[in-house]
Amino acid sequence: MILLDERICIVVNLRRSRENLDIKQYEVAKKLNVHTSTVSGWETGKDIIPLKRLIQFANSYDISLDYLFGLIPENKEYYPIELDLNVLARNLRILRKKNDMTQEDVAEKLHTVQSGYSHYEQGIYLIPTAFLHELTKIYKKFSIDALFGRISK
């Protein structure tokens, strides 16, 4: 189970990014086609931002996923992510193997079943934000932006 304090790195940097750009919550809500209270929920940690929305936010405002997840201290500019589940799946497999883990090992650490986790490595489903956040704790340091095939400017 993902607790509030485990979401803080995403929450703080989401809000910080918006505030640094001098953008209001209602502007983000309009851009992402959600209600202002939804953005507020993401920023307070009440709700976890879905990964597709987080990518949309990162692409819209040229913000690094590594920065949003708290993996790097300052934003790095990247070209937009073109979400390709096959690229993500391949990179998830590579990352797991680099860390000498099996799907069973990863699934256990994510508190899910291997058959469910395997769907992310097969490109069937997009990995949830919470699971992606947990991978940052399980694996040796890696780039989430690179995981999506994102190229720096």
Protein backbone atom coordinates (compact mmCIF):
# COMPACT_ATOMS: atom_id res chain seq x y z
CA MET A 1 0.00 0.00 0.00
CA ILE A 2 1.31 3.48 -0.89
CA LEU A 3 1.07 5.89 2.02
CA LEU A 4 0.86 9.68 1.88
CA ASP A 5 4.49 10.24 2.91
CA GLU A 6 5.65 7.99 0.06
CA ARG A 7 3.87 10.30 -2.42
CA ILE A 8 5.55 13.45 -1.16
CA CYS A 9 8.39 13.53 -3.71
CA ILE A 10 5.88 13.63 -6.58
CA VAL A 11 3.48 15.94 -4.76
CA VAL A 12 6.09 18.51 -3.73
CA ASN A 13 7.69 18.68 -7.16
CA LEU A 14 4.37 18.83 -8.97
CA ARG A 15 3.32 21.84 -6.93
CA ARG A 16 6.82 23.35 -7.00
CA SER A 17 6.98 23.02 -10.79
CA ARG A 18 3.61 24.69 -11.22
CA GLU A 19 4.49 27.50 -8.83
CA ASN A 20 7.93 28.06 -10.42
CA LEU A 21 6.19 28.51 -13.75
CA ASP A 22 3.69 30.89 -12.10
CA ILE A 23 0.79 28.73 -13.26
CA LYS A 24 -2.43 28.46 -11.26
CA GLN A 25 -4.13 25.16 -10.44
CA TYR A 26 -7.11 26.09 -12.61
CA GLU A 27 -4.75 26.54 -15.60
CA VAL A 28 -3.26 23.08 -15.09
CA ALA A 29 -6.76 21.66 -14.65
CA LYS A 30 -7.89 23.22 -17.92
CA LYS A 31 -4.77 21.98 -19.76
CA LEU A 32 -5.21 18.43 -18.44
CA ASN A 33 -9.01 18.48 -18.80
CA VAL A 34 -9.68 17.77 -15.13
CA HIS A 35 -11.36 19.68 -12.30
CA THR A 36 -9.32 22.08 -10.16
CA SER A 37 -10.09 19.95 -7.10
CA THR A 38 -8.40 17.02 -8.87
CA VAL A 39 -5.18 19.00 -9.27
CA SER A 40 -5.46 20.06 -5.63
CA GLY A 41 -5.82 16.40 -4.62
CA TRP A 42 -2.66 15.49 -6.50
CA GLU A 43 -0.72 18.34 -4.95
CA THR A 44 -1.84 17.65 -1.38
CA GLY A 45 -1.22 13.91 -1.65
CA LYS A 46 -4.90 13.07 -1.25
CA ASP A 47 -4.82 11.39 -4.66
CA ILE A 48 -2.12 9.85 -6.83
CA ILE A 49 -1.84 11.45 -10.25
CA PRO A 50 -2.39 8.87 -13.01
CA LEU A 51 0.77 8.34 -15.04
CA LYS A 52 -0.89 9.47 -18.29
CA ARG A 53 -1.80 12.79 -16.62
CA LEU A 54 1.68 13.13 -15.13
CA ILE A 55 3.19 12.61 -18.59
CA GLN A 56 0.72 15.12 -20.05
CA PHE A 57 1.76 17.63 -17.35
CA ALA A 58 5.48 16.97 -17.97
CA ASN A 59 5.05 17.35 -21.73
CA SER A 60 2.89 20.48 -21.46
CA TYR A 61 5.34 22.34 -19.24
CA ASP A 62 8.66 20.72 -20.30
CA ILE A 63 9.32 19.14 -16.93
CA SER A 64 11.43 16.07 -16.31
CA LEU A 65 9.77 12.99 -14.82
CA ASP A 66 13.00 12.41 -12.93
CA TYR A 67 12.52 15.82 -11.31
CA LEU A 68 8.83 15.22 -10.58
CA PHE A 69 9.70 11.90 -8.90
CA GLY A 70 12.48 13.55 -6.89
CA LEU A 71 15.31 11.64 -8.55
CA ILE A 72 17.18 14.80 -9.57
CA PRO A 73 17.34 18.13 -7.70
CA GLU A 74 16.68 20.43 -10.66
CA ASN A 75 14.51 20.17 -13.75
CA LYS A 76 16.18 19.04 -16.95
CA GLU A 77 14.61 19.89 -20.29
CA TYR A 78 13.50 17.04 -22.51
CA TYR A 79 11.60 16.60 -25.69
CA PRO A 80 8.00 15.42 -25.11
CA ILE A 81 7.32 11.80 -24.27
CA GLU A 82 5.56 9.87 -26.97
CA LEU A 83 3.97 7.16 -24.89
CA ASP A 84 4.82 3.83 -26.48
CA LEU A 85 3.98 0.87 -24.28
CA ASN A 86 6.36 -1.37 -26.23
CA VAL A 87 9.32 0.93 -25.56
CA LEU A 88 8.36 1.15 -21.88
CA ALA A 89 7.91 -2.63 -21.67
CA ARG A 90 11.32 -3.30 -23.23
CA ASN A 91 13.00 -0.81 -20.91
CA LEU A 92 11.26 -2.25 -17.84
CA ARG A 93 12.60 -5.70 -18.78
CA ILE A 94 16.11 -4.31 -19.33
CA LEU A 95 16.02 -2.45 -16.02
CA ARG A 96 14.84 -5.53 -14.13
CA LYS A 97 17.56 -7.71 -15.67
CA LYS A 98 20.26 -5.09 -14.96
CA ASN A 99 19.23 -5.35 -11.33
CA ASP A 100 19.41 -9.17 -11.42
CA MET A 101 15.78 -9.61 -10.48
CA THR A 102 12.99 -11.85 -11.70
CA GLN A 103 9.44 -10.72 -12.36
CA GLU A 104 8.50 -12.61 -9.23
CA ASP A 105 11.03 -10.60 -7.20
CA VAL A 106 9.72 -7.29 -8.51
CA ALA A 107 6.08 -8.28 -8.08
CA GLU A 108 6.73 -9.29 -4.48
CA LYS A 109 8.35 -5.93 -3.70
CA LEU A 110 5.42 -4.14 -5.36
CA HIS A 111 2.97 -6.28 -3.34
CA THR A 112 1.30 -7.55 -6.48
CA VAL A 113 1.23 -10.81 -8.42
CA GLN A 114 3.80 -11.76 -11.04
CA SER A 115 1.16 -12.25 -13.73
CA GLY A 116 -0.05 -8.69 -13.15
CA TYR A 117 3.44 -7.21 -13.24
CA SER A 118 4.26 -9.14 -16.41
CA HIS A 119 1.55 -7.15 -18.23
CA TYR A 120 3.69 -4.01 -17.82
CA GLU A 121 6.73 -5.78 -19.25
CA GLN A 122 4.64 -7.08 -22.15
CA GLY A 123 3.31 -3.63 -23.02
CA ILE A 124 -0.29 -4.66 -22.31
CA TYR A 125 -0.89 -2.05 -19.59
CA LEU A 126 0.73 1.19 -18.50
CA ILE A 127 2.44 0.79 -15.15
CA PRO A 128 0.66 2.81 -12.42
CA THR A 129 2.34 5.89 -10.97
CA ALA A 130 2.57 4.27 -7.53
CA PHE A 131 4.36 1.19 -8.90
CA LEU A 132 6.75 3.36 -10.91
CA HIS A 133 7.50 5.31 -7.74
CA GLU A 134 8.19 2.05 -5.88
CA LEU A 135 10.62 0.97 -8.64
CA THR A 136 12.75 4.01 -7.76
CA LYS A 137 13.24 2.39 -4.34
CA ILE A 138 13.73 -1.17 -5.59
CA TYR A 139 16.27 -0.60 -8.37
CA LYS A 140 19.67 1.02 -8.48
CA LYS A 141 19.48 4.64 -9.64
CA PHE A 142 17.83 4.97 -13.06
CA SER A 143 16.11 7.60 -15.17
CA ILE A 144 12.35 7.49 -15.50
CA ASP A 145 12.61 9.80 -18.51
CA ALA A 146 14.96 7.29 -20.19
CA LEU A 147 12.58 4.47 -19.27
CA PHE A 148 10.02 6.14 -21.56
CA GLY A 149 12.64 6.73 -24.26
CA ARG A 150 12.61 10.47 -23.62
CA ILE A 151 15.54 12.40 -25.09
CA SER A 152 17.08 15.48 -23.45
CA LYS A 153 17.31 18.76 -25.34
